Amino acid sequence: MTSAKTIARSWQRATAALVAAAAALLIATPARAVNIVINYQYDTLNFFGADNPSGATAGAQAKAALDAAASFYSTILTDNFSAIQKPADLVSTASNGVAFWNWTANFSHPATGALETLNNPIIAANEYRIYAGARSLSGSTLDARRSASAVLAAWAGRRATMAAPSVRVRSISSTKPPITSRRRLNGAMSRADLLVGGDRSRSTAT
């Protein structure tokens, strides 16, 4: 008959083995950091919805595929990005002046190709934001791929495009700590970064 002490020792050994296995798994698996966010605000033609030329089902499938790709890369990228947010104005008690900060995010509108500028948007820590939409592209498919930020899918001559904003930061104060934009994704993401046309190059306030 198995004693209580023997059972306890068996449980202790089993627990220790599970803890060791879990620790090894944590060491082997990099922590998730980057959160790729697909923003459909500029999908004004509703390509990723009911107005897709091939129908609502095709639009939903296109959106699901894009969201799945974002989720996949979010699970394997371990870059750490600080949040981007305009700091509060700096009021000088000596000169009665005010130093202020502004930054803009510039990108091609995915539905029109026109330059889109956002003033002082707030981007959360570790967020890599991509604006998705669609527009018709002239020329051959090869030319369209070359001219677009990215070609994700094609239905009835309409192609989906994505744009990741570039960042410019300016300040009139040298007393504030530098604000930096997201740096370009390195390593395994370099080709994907090129695909989406992202430019998160490092900038400092001047």
C-alpha atoms as a PDB file:
ATOM      1  CA  MET A   1       0.000   0.000   0.000  1.00  0.00           C
ATOM      2  CA  THR A   2       1.381   3.395  -1.025  1.00  0.00           C
ATOM      3  CA  SER A   3       2.085   5.669   1.919  1.00  0.00           C
ATOM      4  CA  ALA A   4       1.016   9.304   2.128  1.00  0.00           C
ATOM      5  CA  LYS A   5       4.679  10.378   2.184  1.00  0.00           C
ATOM      6  CA  THR A   6       5.369   8.494  -1.042  1.00  0.00           C
ATOM      7  CA  ILE A   7       2.383  10.143  -2.734  1.00  0.00           C
ATOM      8  CA  ALA A   8       3.508  13.563  -1.495  1.00  0.00           C
ATOM      9  CA  ARG A   9       7.022  13.012  -2.827  1.00  0.00           C
ATOM     10  CA  SER A  10       5.606  11.931  -6.191  1.00  0.00           C
ATOM     11  CA  TRP A  11       3.504  15.097  -6.392  1.00  0.00           C
ATOM     12  CA  GLN A  12       6.517  17.214  -5.458  1.00  0.00           C
ATOM     13  CA  ARG A  13       8.621  15.634  -8.203  1.00  0.00           C
ATOM     14  CA  ALA A  14       5.820  16.057 -10.745  1.00  0.00           C
ATOM     15  CA  THR A  15       5.296  19.684  -9.735  1.00  0.00           C
ATOM     16  CA  ALA A  16       9.022  20.408  -9.952  1.00  0.00           C
ATOM     17  CA  ALA A  17       9.129  18.865 -13.425  1.00  0.00           C
ATOM     18  CA  LEU A  18       6.185  21.003 -14.579  1.00  0.00           C
ATOM     19  CA  VAL A  19       7.768  24.169 -13.187  1.00  0.00           C
ATOM     20  CA  ALA A  20      11.054  23.366 -14.928  1.00  0.00           C
ATOM     21  CA  ALA A  21       9.255  22.712 -18.203  1.00  0.00           C
ATOM     22  CA  ALA A  22       7.316  25.966 -17.921  1.00  0.00           C
ATOM     23  CA  ALA A  23      10.506  27.890 -17.157  1.00  0.00           C
ATOM     24  CA  ALA A  24      12.223  26.371 -20.182  1.00  0.00           C
ATOM     25  CA  LEU A  25       9.255  27.329 -22.355  1.00  0.00           C
ATOM     26  CA  LEU A  26       9.371  30.905 -21.117  1.00  0.00           C
ATOM     27  CA  ILE A  27      13.096  31.114 -21.823  1.00  0.00           C
ATOM     28  CA  ALA A  28      12.713  29.654 -25.302  1.00  0.00           C
ATOM     29  CA  THR A  29       9.725  31.807 -26.296  1.00  0.00           C
ATOM     30  CA  PRO A  30      10.387  35.551 -26.748  1.00  0.00           C
ATOM     31  CA  ALA A  31       7.976  37.874 -24.996  1.00  0.00           C
ATOM     32  CA  ARG A  32       5.443  39.542 -27.216  1.00  0.00           C
ATOM     33  CA  ALA A  33       5.940  43.288 -27.563  1.00  0.00           C
ATOM     34  CA  VAL A  34       4.822  44.813 -30.869  1.00  0.00           C
ATOM     35  CA  ASN A  35       1.084  45.174 -31.415  1.00  0.00           C
ATOM     36  CA  ILE A  36       0.298  45.677 -35.109  1.00  0.00           C
ATOM     37  CA  VAL A  37      -2.977  47.585 -35.354  1.00  0.00           C
ATOM     38  CA  ILE A  38      -4.854  47.717 -38.668  1.00  0.00           C
ATOM     39  CA  ASN A  39      -6.854  50.944 -38.890  1.00  0.00           C
ATOM     40  CA  TYR A  40      -9.686  50.885 -41.452  1.00  0.00           C
ATOM     41  CA  GLN A  41     -10.687  54.518 -40.949  1.00  0.00           C
ATOM     42  CA  TYR A  42      -9.482  55.448 -44.440  1.00  0.00           C
ATOM     43  CA  ASP A  43     -11.100  52.518 -46.242  1.00  0.00           C
ATOM     44  CA  THR A  44     -13.585  54.991 -47.713  1.00  0.00           C
ATOM     45  CA  LEU A  45     -14.515  52.629 -50.575  1.00  0.00           C
ATOM     46  CA  ASN A  46     -15.342  49.935 -48.009  1.00  0.00           C
ATOM     47  CA  PHE A  47     -13.152  47.432 -49.826  1.00  0.00           C
ATOM     48  CA  PHE A  48     -12.767  45.449 -46.613  1.00  0.00           C
ATOM     49  CA  GLY A  49     -16.539  45.409 -46.145  1.00  0.00           C
ATOM     50  CA  ALA A  50     -19.846  45.190 -47.987  1.00  0.00           C
ATOM     51  CA  ASP A  51     -18.758  47.314 -50.985  1.00  0.00           C
ATOM     52  CA  ASN A  52     -15.982  44.976 -52.088  1.00  0.00           C
ATOM     53  CA  PRO A  53     -16.408  44.468 -55.889  1.00  0.00           C
ATOM     54  CA  SER A  54     -16.714  40.723 -55.319  1.00  0.00           C
ATOM     55  CA  GLY A  55     -19.315  41.131 -52.595  1.00  0.00           C
ATOM     56  CA  ALA A  56     -19.583  41.452 -48.841  1.00  0.00           C
ATOM     57  CA  THR A  57     -18.240  37.947 -48.229  1.00  0.00           C
ATOM     58  CA  ALA A  58     -15.067  38.722 -50.172  1.00  0.00           C
ATOM     59  CA  GLY A  59     -14.691  41.977 -48.250  1.00  0.00           C
ATOM     60  CA  ALA A  60     -15.000  40.164 -44.933  1.00  0.00           C
ATOM     61  CA  GLN A  61     -12.493  37.540 -46.087  1.00  0.00           C
ATOM     62  CA  ALA A  62     -10.010  40.247 -47.105  1.00  0.00           C
ATOM     63  CA  LYS A  63     -10.352  41.936 -43.720  1.00  0.00           C
ATOM     64  CA  ALA A  64      -9.992  38.632 -41.878  1.00  0.00           C
ATOM     65  CA  ALA A  65      -6.833  37.797 -43.845  1.00  0.00           C
ATOM     66  CA  LEU A  66      -5.291  41.193 -43.090  1.00  0.00           C
ATOM     67  CA  ASP A  67      -6.190  40.974 -39.407  1.00  0.00           C
ATOM     68  CA  ALA A  68      -4.732  37.460 -39.244  1.00  0.00           C
ATOM     69  CA  ALA A  69      -1.450  38.662 -40.768  1.00  0.00           C
ATOM     70  CA  ALA A  70      -1.260  41.497 -38.232  1.00  0.00           C
ATOM     71  CA  SER A  71      -1.968  39.088 -35.395  1.00  0.00           C
ATOM     72  CA  PHE A  72       0.700  36.662 -36.631  1.00  0.00           C
ATOM     73  CA  TYR A  73       3.450  39.273 -36.767  1.00  0.00           C
ATOM     74  CA  SER A  74       2.327  40.707 -33.432  1.00  0.00           C
ATOM     75  CA  THR A  75       3.057  37.348 -31.799  1.00  0.00           C
ATOM     76  CA  ILE A  76       6.618  37.046 -33.104  1.00  0.00           C
ATOM     77  CA  LEU A  77       7.993  40.604 -33.000  1.00  0.00           C
ATOM     78  CA  THR A  78       9.754  41.568 -29.790  1.00  0.00           C
ATOM     79  CA  ASP A  79      10.692  45.195 -30.493  1.00  0.00           C
ATOM     80  CA  ASN A  80       9.755  47.649 -27.752  1.00  0.00           C
ATOM     81  CA  PHE A  81       8.328  51.023 -28.779  1.00  0.00           C
ATOM     82  CA  SER A  82       7.682  53.901 -26.434  1.00  0.00           C
ATOM     83  CA  ALA A  83       4.353  55.702 -26.660  1.00  0.00           C
ATOM     84  CA  ILE A  84       4.126  58.799 -28.852  1.00  0.00           C
ATOM     85  CA  GLN A  85       2.171  61.652 -27.354  1.00  0.00           C
ATOM     86  CA  LYS A  86       2.544  65.410 -27.347  1.00  0.00           C
ATOM     87  CA  PRO A  87       3.922  66.543 -23.961  1.00  0.00           C
ATOM     88  CA  ALA A  88       2.356  69.370 -22.031  1.00  0.00           C
ATOM     89  CA  ASP A  89       3.480  72.904 -22.857  1.00  0.00           C
ATOM     90  CA  LEU A  90       6.453  74.200 -20.879  1.00  0.00           C
ATOM     91  CA  VAL A  91       5.772  77.585 -19.282  1.00  0.00           C
ATOM     92  CA  SER A  92       8.846  79.654 -18.403  1.00  0.00           C
ATOM     93  CA  THR A  93       8.557  81.629 -15.176  1.00  0.00           C
ATOM     94  CA  ALA A  94      11.706  83.587 -16.043  1.00  0.00           C
ATOM     95  CA  SER A  95      10.754  84.882 -19.500  1.00  0.00           C
ATOM     96  CA  ASN A  96       6.981  84.440 -19.361  1.00  0.00           C
ATOM     97  CA  GLY A  97       7.248  82.411 -22.570  1.00  0.00           C
ATOM     98  CA  VAL A  98       5.744  79.076 -23.504  1.00  0.00           C
ATOM     99  CA  ALA A  99       7.595  76.265 -25.246  1.00  0.00           C
ATOM    100  CA  PHE A 100       5.367  73.830 -27.059  1.00  0.00           C
ATOM    101  CA  TRP A 101       5.725  70.605 -28.972  1.00  0.00           C
ATOM    102  CA  ASN A 102       3.990  69.405 -32.132  1.00  0.00           C
ATOM    103  CA  TRP A 103       4.427  66.334 -34.268  1.00  0.00           C
ATOM    104  CA  THR A 104       2.755  65.110 -37.430  1.00  0.00           C
ATOM    105  CA  ALA A 105       2.206  61.678 -38.941  1.00  0.00           C
ATOM    106  CA  ASN A 106       2.264  61.746 -42.766  1.00  0.00           C
ATOM    107  CA  PHE A 107       1.144  58.908 -45.034  1.00  0.00           C
ATOM    108  CA  SER A 108      -0.562  58.265 -48.364  1.00  0.00           C
ATOM    109  CA  HIS A 109      -4.333  57.967 -48.053  1.00  0.00           C
ATOM    110  CA  PRO A 110      -4.896  54.310 -49.031  1.00  0.00           C
ATOM    111  CA  ALA A 111      -8.136  55.099 -50.910  1.00  0.00           C
ATOM    112  CA  THR A 112      -6.959  58.201 -52.808  1.00  0.00           C
ATOM    113  CA  GLY A 113      -3.172  58.230 -52.800  1.00  0.00           C
ATOM    114  CA  ALA A 114      -3.187  61.817 -51.537  1.00  0.00           C
ATOM    115  CA  LEU A 115      -0.961  62.911 -48.674  1.00  0.00           C
ATOM    116  CA  GLU A 116      -2.732  62.592 -45.335  1.00  0.00           C
ATOM    117  CA  THR A 117      -1.438  64.427 -42.282  1.00  0.00           C
ATOM    118  CA  LEU A 118      -2.451  63.811 -38.683  1.00  0.00           C
ATOM    119  CA  ASN A 119      -1.513  66.415 -36.100  1.00  0.00           C
ATOM    120  CA  ASN A 120      -0.420  65.206 -32.679  1.00  0.00           C
ATOM    121  CA  PRO A 121      -2.020  61.747 -32.763  1.00  0.00           C
ATOM    122  CA  ILE A 122      -1.553  59.550 -29.707  1.00  0.00           C
ATOM    123  CA  ILE A 123       0.051  56.174 -30.364  1.00  0.00           C
ATOM    124  CA  ALA A 124       0.185  53.660 -27.550  1.00  0.00           C
ATOM    125  CA  ALA A 125       3.365  51.960 -26.408  1.00  0.00           C
ATOM    126  CA  ASN A 126       4.396  49.064 -28.681  1.00  0.00           C
ATOM    127  CA  GLU A 127       1.732  49.948 -31.248  1.00  0.00           C
ATOM    128  CA  TYR A 128       2.648  49.777 -34.946  1.00  0.00           C
ATOM    129  CA  ARG A 129      -0.300  51.336 -36.746  1.00  0.00           C
ATOM    130  CA  ILE A 130      -1.166  50.583 -40.376  1.00  0.00           C
ATOM    131  CA  TYR A 131      -3.920  52.343 -42.325  1.00  0.00           C
ATOM    132  CA  ALA A 132      -5.670  50.032 -44.787  1.00  0.00           C
ATOM    133  CA  GLY A 133      -7.880  50.840 -47.751  1.00  0.00           C
ATOM    134  CA  ALA A 134      -8.213  50.307 -51.494  1.00  0.00           C
ATOM    135  CA  ARG A 135      -8.115  52.225 -54.755  1.00  0.00           C
ATOM    136  CA  SER A 136      -7.844  51.517 -58.470  1.00  0.00           C
ATOM    137  CA  LEU A 137      -4.286  51.530 -59.787  1.00  0.00           C
ATOM    138  CA  SER A 138      -3.446  52.233 -63.415  1.00  0.00           C
ATOM    139  CA  GLY A 139      -0.892  50.342 -65.484  1.00  0.00           C
ATOM    140  CA  SER A 140       0.109  46.710 -65.357  1.00  0.00           C
ATOM    141  CA  THR A 141      -0.007  44.632 -62.215  1.00  0.00           C
ATOM    142  CA  LEU A 142       3.778  44.884 -61.953  1.00  0.00           C
ATOM    143  CA  ASP A 143       3.645  48.679 -62.254  1.00  0.00           C
ATOM    144  CA  ALA A 144       0.875  48.806 -59.669  1.00  0.00           C
ATOM    145  CA  ARG A 145       2.921  46.763 -57.229  1.00  0.00           C
ATOM    146  CA  ARG A 146       5.848  49.098 -57.722  1.00  0.00           C
ATOM    147  CA  SER A 147       3.836  52.294 -57.245  1.00  0.00           C
ATOM    148  CA  ALA A 148       1.632  51.234 -54.352  1.00  0.00           C
ATOM    149  CA  SER A 149       2.688  51.168 -50.731  1.00  0.00           C
ATOM    150  CA  ALA A 150       1.659  47.535 -50.804  1.00  0.00           C
ATOM    151  CA  VAL A 151      -0.590  45.358 -52.892  1.00  0.00           C
ATOM    152  CA  LEU A 152      -2.572  43.053 -50.671  1.00  0.00           C
ATOM    153  CA  ALA A 153      -5.286  41.764 -52.979  1.00  0.00           C
ATOM    154  CA  ALA A 154      -6.919  42.503 -56.332  1.00  0.00           C
ATOM    155  CA  TRP A 155     -10.562  42.217 -57.327  1.00  0.00           C
ATOM    156  CA  ALA A 156     -12.002  43.739 -60.511  1.00  0.00           C
ATOM    157  CA  GLY A 157      -8.978  45.958 -61.024  1.00  0.00           C
ATOM    158  CA  ARG A 158      -9.127  47.418 -57.527  1.00  0.00           C
ATOM    159  CA  ARG A 159      -6.168  46.846 -55.262  1.00  0.00           C
ATOM    160  CA  ALA A 160      -5.898  47.082 -51.530  1.00  0.00           C
ATOM    161  CA  THR A 161      -3.120  49.239 -50.157  1.00  0.00           C
ATOM    162  CA  MET A 162      -1.641  49.894 -46.760  1.00  0.00           C
ATOM    163  CA  ALA A 163       0.294  52.843 -45.456  1.00  0.00           C
ATOM    164  CA  ALA A 164       2.337  53.215 -42.287  1.00  0.00           C
ATOM    165  CA  PRO A 165       2.908  56.862 -41.361  1.00  0.00           C
ATOM    166  CA  SER A 166       6.259  58.531 -41.289  1.00  0.00           C
ATOM    167  CA  VAL A 167       6.933  60.763 -38.320  1.00  0.00           C
ATOM    168  CA  ARG A 168       8.327  64.252 -37.911  1.00  0.00           C
ATOM    169  CA  VAL A 169       8.952  65.774 -34.485  1.00  0.00           C
ATOM    170  CA  ARG A 170       9.816  69.400 -33.814  1.00  0.00           C
ATOM    171  CA  SER A 171      10.135  71.526 -30.687  1.00  0.00           C
ATOM    172  CA  ILE A 172      11.258  75.029 -29.794  1.00  0.00           C
ATOM    173  CA  SER A 173      12.553  73.918 -26.411  1.00  0.00           C
ATOM    174  CA  SER A 174      15.841  72.199 -25.596  1.00  0.00           C
ATOM    175  CA  THR A 175      14.938  71.635 -21.968  1.00  0.00           C
ATOM    176  CA  LYS A 176      12.478  68.837 -22.660  1.00  0.00           C
ATOM    177  CA  PRO A 177      13.750  65.282 -23.107  1.00  0.00           C
ATOM    178  CA  PRO A 178      13.819  64.129 -26.741  1.00  0.00           C
ATOM    179  CA  ILE A 179      10.741  62.532 -28.227  1.00  0.00           C
ATOM    180  CA  THR A 180      11.580  59.669 -30.550  1.00  0.00           C
ATOM    181  CA  SER A 181       9.422  58.045 -33.146  1.00  0.00           C
ATOM    182  CA  ARG A 182       9.222  54.324 -33.688  1.00  0.00           C
ATOM    183  CA  ARG A 183      12.395  52.970 -35.221  1.00  0.00           C
ATOM    184  CA  ARG A 184      12.332  50.787 -38.287  1.00  0.00           C
ATOM    185  CA  LEU A 185      11.618  47.154 -37.523  1.00  0.00           C
ATOM    186  CA  ASN A 186      14.797  45.114 -37.760  1.00  0.00           C
ATOM    187  CA  GLY A 187      15.814  41.565 -38.542  1.00  0.00           C
ATOM    188  CA  ALA A 188      13.125  39.239 -39.771  1.00  0.00           C
ATOM    189  CA  MET A 189      10.687  42.087 -40.326  1.00  0.00           C
ATOM    190  CA  SER A 190      12.865  44.137 -42.674  1.00  0.00           C
ATOM    191  CA  ARG A 191      11.198  42.718 -45.778  1.00  0.00           C
ATOM    192  CA  ALA A 192       7.714  43.016 -44.310  1.00  0.00           C
ATOM    193  CA  ASP A 193       8.511  46.571 -43.272  1.00  0.00           C
ATOM    194  CA  LEU A 194       9.396  47.316 -46.892  1.00  0.00           C
ATOM    195  CA  LEU A 195       6.162  45.672 -48.005  1.00  0.00           C
ATOM    196  CA  VAL A 196       3.913  47.943 -45.993  1.00  0.00           C
ATOM    197  CA  GLY A 197       5.961  51.021 -46.781  1.00  0.00           C
ATOM    198  CA  GLY A 198       6.490  51.778 -43.113  1.00  0.00           C
ATOM    199  CA  ASP A 199       9.007  54.404 -42.076  1.00  0.00           C
ATOM    200  CA  ARG A 200       9.335  54.634 -38.340  1.00  0.00           C
ATOM    201  CA  SER A 201      12.856  56.076 -38.484  1.00  0.00           C
ATOM    202  CA  ARG A 202      14.197  57.612 -35.310  1.00  0.00           C
ATOM    203  CA  SER A 203      13.769  61.368 -34.962  1.00  0.00           C
ATOM    204  CA  THR A 204      14.542  63.687 -32.103  1.00  0.00           C
ATOM    205  CA  ALA A 205      13.079  67.024 -31.196  1.00  0.00           C
ATOM    206  CA  THR A 206      15.200  69.958 -32.267  1.00  0.00           C
END
